[in-house]
Amino acid sequence: MLKLNRVHHIAIICSDYQKSKQFYVEVLGLTIVGEVYREQRQSYKLDLAVGNLYQIELFSFPDPPARPSRPEAAGLRHLAFEVDDLDEAVAHITSFDVEVEPIRVDEFTGKRFTFFADPDGLPLEFYEV
């Protein structure tokens, strides 16, 4: 039987590297693990730590195609970040003028959550534990 240990990384392709780098590092507070520019691909690769468990790889490529639609396009629906205090997380990102949907309650778990978007419109979620 196949044994998967955990998610190793999540790769995101952005349209404006500097804007997305600022969002993920300054707004969301992720830690830069490494950054390289790959000349032959005209592409940056930024490795970001999420706590001590996961890593996001932020890529830039010349003229990437736009996401088909939001939020119900086939493929990745959204990326959720676990937070201890949803109100604090929302207050933090709204101080950077990030628009946040109204807080909802998961009907099955009773937990609170909300959605917002990165600079390219990728749906992101804060889920309170």
Foldseek 3Di string as FASTA:
>chain_A
DDDDDDDAEAEDEDADVVQLVCCVCVQVNWAWPDWDQDVVQRKIWTWTDDPPPYIYIYMYGHPDDADPDPQPDPDDRAAEDEDADPVVSVVRNVVVVWDKDDWDADPVPRWIKIWTAGPRRGIYMYTHD
